[in-house]
Amino acid sequence: MNRYPSKETVEQLRREYPVGTRVELVHMNDPYAKLKPGDLGTVRTVDDIGTIFCNWDCGSSLGVVYGEDIIRKL
């Protein structure tokens, strides 16, 4: 089973979260991540599998995984 988003979904993510968009982390499905809900960041890029990479204000640059993690636009 292919768990990657379609090309159309990735393009929609790129339109919805262009470079420079400010976001807030709602949920991250990674027990080892130091990010926590409420952390703020700025979108750096969306890669070809829909991962949204952010420069988080706390210094992290961890990506938000499509279908696993949740962010919201500010």
N, C-alpha and C. Protein backbone atom coordinates (compact mmCIF):
# COMPACT_ATOMS: atom_id res chain seq x y z
N MET A 1 0.84 -1.19 0.00
CA MET A 1 0.00 0.00 0.00
C MET A 1 0.88 1.24 0.00
N ASN A 2 0.60 2.18 -0.90
CA ASN A 2 1.36 3.42 -1.00
C ASN A 2 0.80 4.45 -0.01
N ARG A 3 1.60 4.87 0.95
CA ARG A 3 1.15 5.83 1.95
C ARG A 3 1.57 7.25 1.60
N TYR A 4 2.20 7.43 0.46
CA TYR A 4 2.60 8.77 0.05
C TYR A 4 1.43 9.49 -0.57
N PRO A 5 1.36 10.82 -0.38
CA PRO A 5 0.28 11.57 -1.01
C PRO A 5 0.47 11.65 -2.52
N SER A 6 -0.63 11.87 -3.23
CA SER A 6 -0.57 12.01 -4.68
C SER A 6 0.15 13.31 -5.05
N LYS A 7 0.56 13.39 -6.30
CA LYS A 7 1.21 14.60 -6.80
C LYS A 7 0.28 15.81 -6.62
N GLU A 8 -1.01 15.61 -6.85
CA GLU A 8 -1.99 16.69 -6.70
C GLU A 8 -2.08 17.16 -5.25
N THR A 9 -2.04 16.22 -4.31
CA THR A 9 -2.08 16.58 -2.89
C THR A 9 -0.85 17.38 -2.50
N VAL A 10 0.32 16.97 -2.98
CA VAL A 10 1.56 17.69 -2.69
C VAL A 10 1.47 19.12 -3.24
N GLU A 11 0.96 19.26 -4.45
CA GLU A 11 0.82 20.60 -5.04
C GLU A 11 -0.15 21.45 -4.24
N GLN A 12 -1.22 20.84 -3.73
CA GLN A 12 -2.16 21.58 -2.90
C GLN A 12 -1.49 22.03 -1.60
N LEU A 13 -0.69 21.16 -0.99
CA LEU A 13 0.05 21.54 0.22
C LEU A 13 0.98 22.71 -0.05
N ARG A 14 1.64 22.69 -1.20
CA ARG A 14 2.55 23.79 -1.56
C ARG A 14 1.80 25.10 -1.74
N ARG A 15 0.57 25.02 -2.27
CA ARG A 15 -0.24 26.24 -2.41
C ARG A 15 -0.74 26.72 -1.04
N GLU A 16 -1.11 25.77 -0.19
CA GLU A 16 -1.66 26.12 1.13
C GLU A 16 -0.59 26.60 2.09
N TYR A 17 0.63 26.06 1.98
CA TYR A 17 1.73 26.40 2.88
C TYR A 17 2.94 26.90 2.10
N PRO A 18 2.82 28.08 1.44
CA PRO A 18 3.97 28.59 0.70
C PRO A 18 5.11 28.97 1.65
N VAL A 19 6.31 29.07 1.10
CA VAL A 19 7.48 29.48 1.87
C VAL A 19 7.14 30.78 2.60
N GLY A 20 7.48 30.82 3.89
CA GLY A 20 7.25 32.01 4.70
C GLY A 20 5.98 31.98 5.52
N THR A 21 5.11 31.00 5.28
CA THR A 21 3.86 30.90 6.04
C THR A 21 4.16 30.59 7.50
N ARG A 22 3.53 31.32 8.41
CA ARG A 22 3.68 31.04 9.83
C ARG A 22 2.68 29.97 10.23
N VAL A 23 3.14 29.01 11.04
CA VAL A 23 2.31 27.89 11.46
C VAL A 23 2.47 27.63 12.95
N GLU A 24 1.51 26.91 13.49
CA GLU A 24 1.55 26.46 14.88
C GLU A 24 1.41 24.95 14.88
N LEU A 25 2.22 24.28 15.68
CA LEU A 25 2.13 22.83 15.81
C LEU A 25 0.93 22.48 16.68
N VAL A 26 0.07 21.61 16.15
CA VAL A 26 -1.09 21.12 16.90
C VAL A 26 -0.76 19.75 17.51
N HIS A 27 -0.15 18.88 16.69
CA HIS A 27 0.18 17.52 17.16
C HIS A 27 1.34 16.98 16.33
N MET A 28 2.28 16.32 17.00
CA MET A 28 3.36 15.64 16.30
C MET A 28 3.41 14.20 16.80
N ASN A 29 3.34 13.27 15.86
CA ASN A 29 3.32 11.85 16.18
C ASN A 29 4.74 11.29 16.22
N ASP A 30 5.57 11.87 17.10
CA ASP A 30 6.97 11.45 17.23
C ASP A 30 7.35 11.57 18.70
N PRO A 31 7.47 10.44 19.40
CA PRO A 31 7.75 10.49 20.83
C PRO A 31 9.13 11.07 21.16
N TYR A 32 10.02 11.16 20.19
CA TYR A 32 11.37 11.66 20.45
C TYR A 32 11.54 13.13 20.07
N ALA A 33 10.55 13.71 19.42
CA ALA A 33 10.64 15.12 19.01
C ALA A 33 10.56 16.02 20.24
N LYS A 34 11.36 17.05 20.23
CA LYS A 34 11.34 18.01 21.33
C LYS A 34 10.27 19.08 21.11
N LEU A 35 9.68 19.12 19.91
CA LEU A 35 8.61 20.07 19.64
C LEU A 35 7.37 19.68 20.44
N LYS A 36 6.60 20.69 20.80
CA LYS A 36 5.38 20.44 21.57
C LYS A 36 4.23 21.27 20.99
N PRO A 37 2.99 20.85 21.21
CA PRO A 37 1.86 21.62 20.71
C PRO A 37 1.97 23.08 21.15
N GLY A 38 1.67 23.97 20.21
CA GLY A 38 1.77 25.40 20.48
C GLY A 38 3.05 26.02 19.96
N ASP A 39 4.06 25.20 19.64
CA ASP A 39 5.30 25.74 19.08
C ASP A 39 5.00 26.39 17.73
N LEU A 40 5.70 27.50 17.45
CA LEU A 40 5.49 28.27 16.23
C LEU A 40 6.67 28.14 15.30
N GLY A 41 6.40 28.23 14.01
CA GLY A 41 7.48 28.14 13.03
C GLY A 41 7.10 28.80 11.72
N THR A 42 8.08 28.80 10.81
CA THR A 42 7.92 29.39 9.49
C THR A 42 8.24 28.32 8.45
N VAL A 43 7.34 28.14 7.49
CA VAL A 43 7.53 27.12 6.44
C VAL A 43 8.76 27.48 5.60
N ARG A 44 9.62 26.48 5.42
CA ARG A 44 10.82 26.62 4.60
C ARG A 44 10.62 25.99 3.23
N THR A 45 9.97 24.82 3.19
CA THR A 45 9.71 24.12 1.92
C THR A 45 8.74 22.97 2.16
N VAL A 46 8.13 22.50 1.07
CA VAL A 46 7.33 21.27 1.08
C VAL A 46 8.00 20.34 0.09
N ASP A 47 8.42 19.15 0.56
CA ASP A 47 9.15 18.25 -0.33
C ASP A 47 8.18 17.41 -1.18
N ASP A 48 8.74 16.53 -2.00
CA ASP A 48 7.95 15.76 -2.97
C ASP A 48 7.05 14.70 -2.35
N ILE A 49 7.19 14.42 -1.06
CA ILE A 49 6.28 13.47 -0.41
C ILE A 49 5.38 14.18 0.61
N GLY A 50 5.33 15.51 0.51
CA GLY A 50 4.39 16.28 1.32
C GLY A 50 4.87 16.64 2.71
N THR A 51 6.13 16.38 3.03
CA THR A 51 6.65 16.80 4.32
C THR A 51 6.86 18.30 4.30
N ILE A 52 6.32 18.99 5.30
CA ILE A 52 6.44 20.44 5.40
C ILE A 52 7.58 20.74 6.37
N PHE A 53 8.67 21.27 5.82
CA PHE A 53 9.83 21.60 6.65
C PHE A 53 9.71 23.04 7.12
N CYS A 54 9.89 23.23 8.42
CA CYS A 54 9.75 24.54 9.04
C CYS A 54 11.02 24.89 9.80
N ASN A 55 11.26 26.18 9.91
CA ASN A 55 12.24 26.69 10.86
C ASN A 55 11.42 27.07 12.08
N TRP A 56 11.50 26.22 13.11
CA TRP A 56 10.73 26.45 14.33
C TRP A 56 11.41 27.50 15.18
N ASP A 57 10.61 28.32 15.84
CA ASP A 57 11.15 29.40 16.66
C ASP A 57 12.06 28.89 17.78
N CYS A 58 11.87 27.65 18.19
CA CYS A 58 12.68 27.05 19.25
C CYS A 58 14.04 26.58 18.75
N GLY A 59 14.29 26.69 17.43
CA GLY A 59 15.58 26.31 16.87
C GLY A 59 15.56 25.01 16.08
N SER A 60 14.51 24.24 16.17
CA SER A 60 14.40 22.99 15.43
C SER A 60 14.09 23.25 13.97
N SER A 61 14.41 22.29 13.11
CA SER A 61 14.03 22.37 11.71
C SER A 61 13.34 21.07 11.27
N LEU A 62 12.76 20.37 12.23
CA LEU A 62 12.10 19.10 11.98
C LEU A 62 10.90 19.27 11.06
N GLY A 63 10.71 18.31 10.15
CA GLY A 63 9.61 18.36 9.20
C GLY A 63 8.32 17.82 9.78
N VAL A 64 7.21 18.33 9.26
CA VAL A 64 5.87 17.89 9.64
C VAL A 64 5.44 16.87 8.59
N VAL A 65 5.19 15.64 9.02
CA VAL A 65 4.91 14.53 8.11
C VAL A 65 3.43 14.50 7.72
N TYR A 66 3.18 14.49 6.40
CA TYR A 66 1.81 14.43 5.88
C TYR A 66 1.10 13.18 6.41
N GLY A 67 -0.10 13.37 6.94
CA GLY A 67 -0.91 12.26 7.42
C GLY A 67 -0.58 11.80 8.82
N GLU A 68 0.46 12.34 9.42
CA GLU A 68 0.87 11.93 10.78
C GLU A 68 0.82 13.10 11.76
N ASP A 69 1.34 14.24 11.34
CA ASP A 69 1.44 15.41 12.20
C ASP A 69 0.42 16.46 11.77
N ILE A 70 0.12 17.39 12.67
CA ILE A 70 -0.89 18.41 12.37
C ILE A 70 -0.33 19.79 12.71
N ILE A 71 -0.47 20.71 11.73
CA ILE A 71 -0.15 22.11 11.97
C ILE A 71 -1.34 22.95 11.52
N ARG A 72 -1.36 24.21 11.96
CA ARG A 72 -2.37 25.13 11.46
C ARG A 72 -1.69 26.43 11.07
N LYS A 73 -2.25 27.06 10.04
CA LYS A 73 -1.74 28.35 9.59
C LYS A 73 -2.13 29.43 10.58
N LEU A 74 -1.24 30.39 10.76
CA LEU A 74 -1.56 31.54 11.62
C LEU A 74 -1.98 32.71 10.77
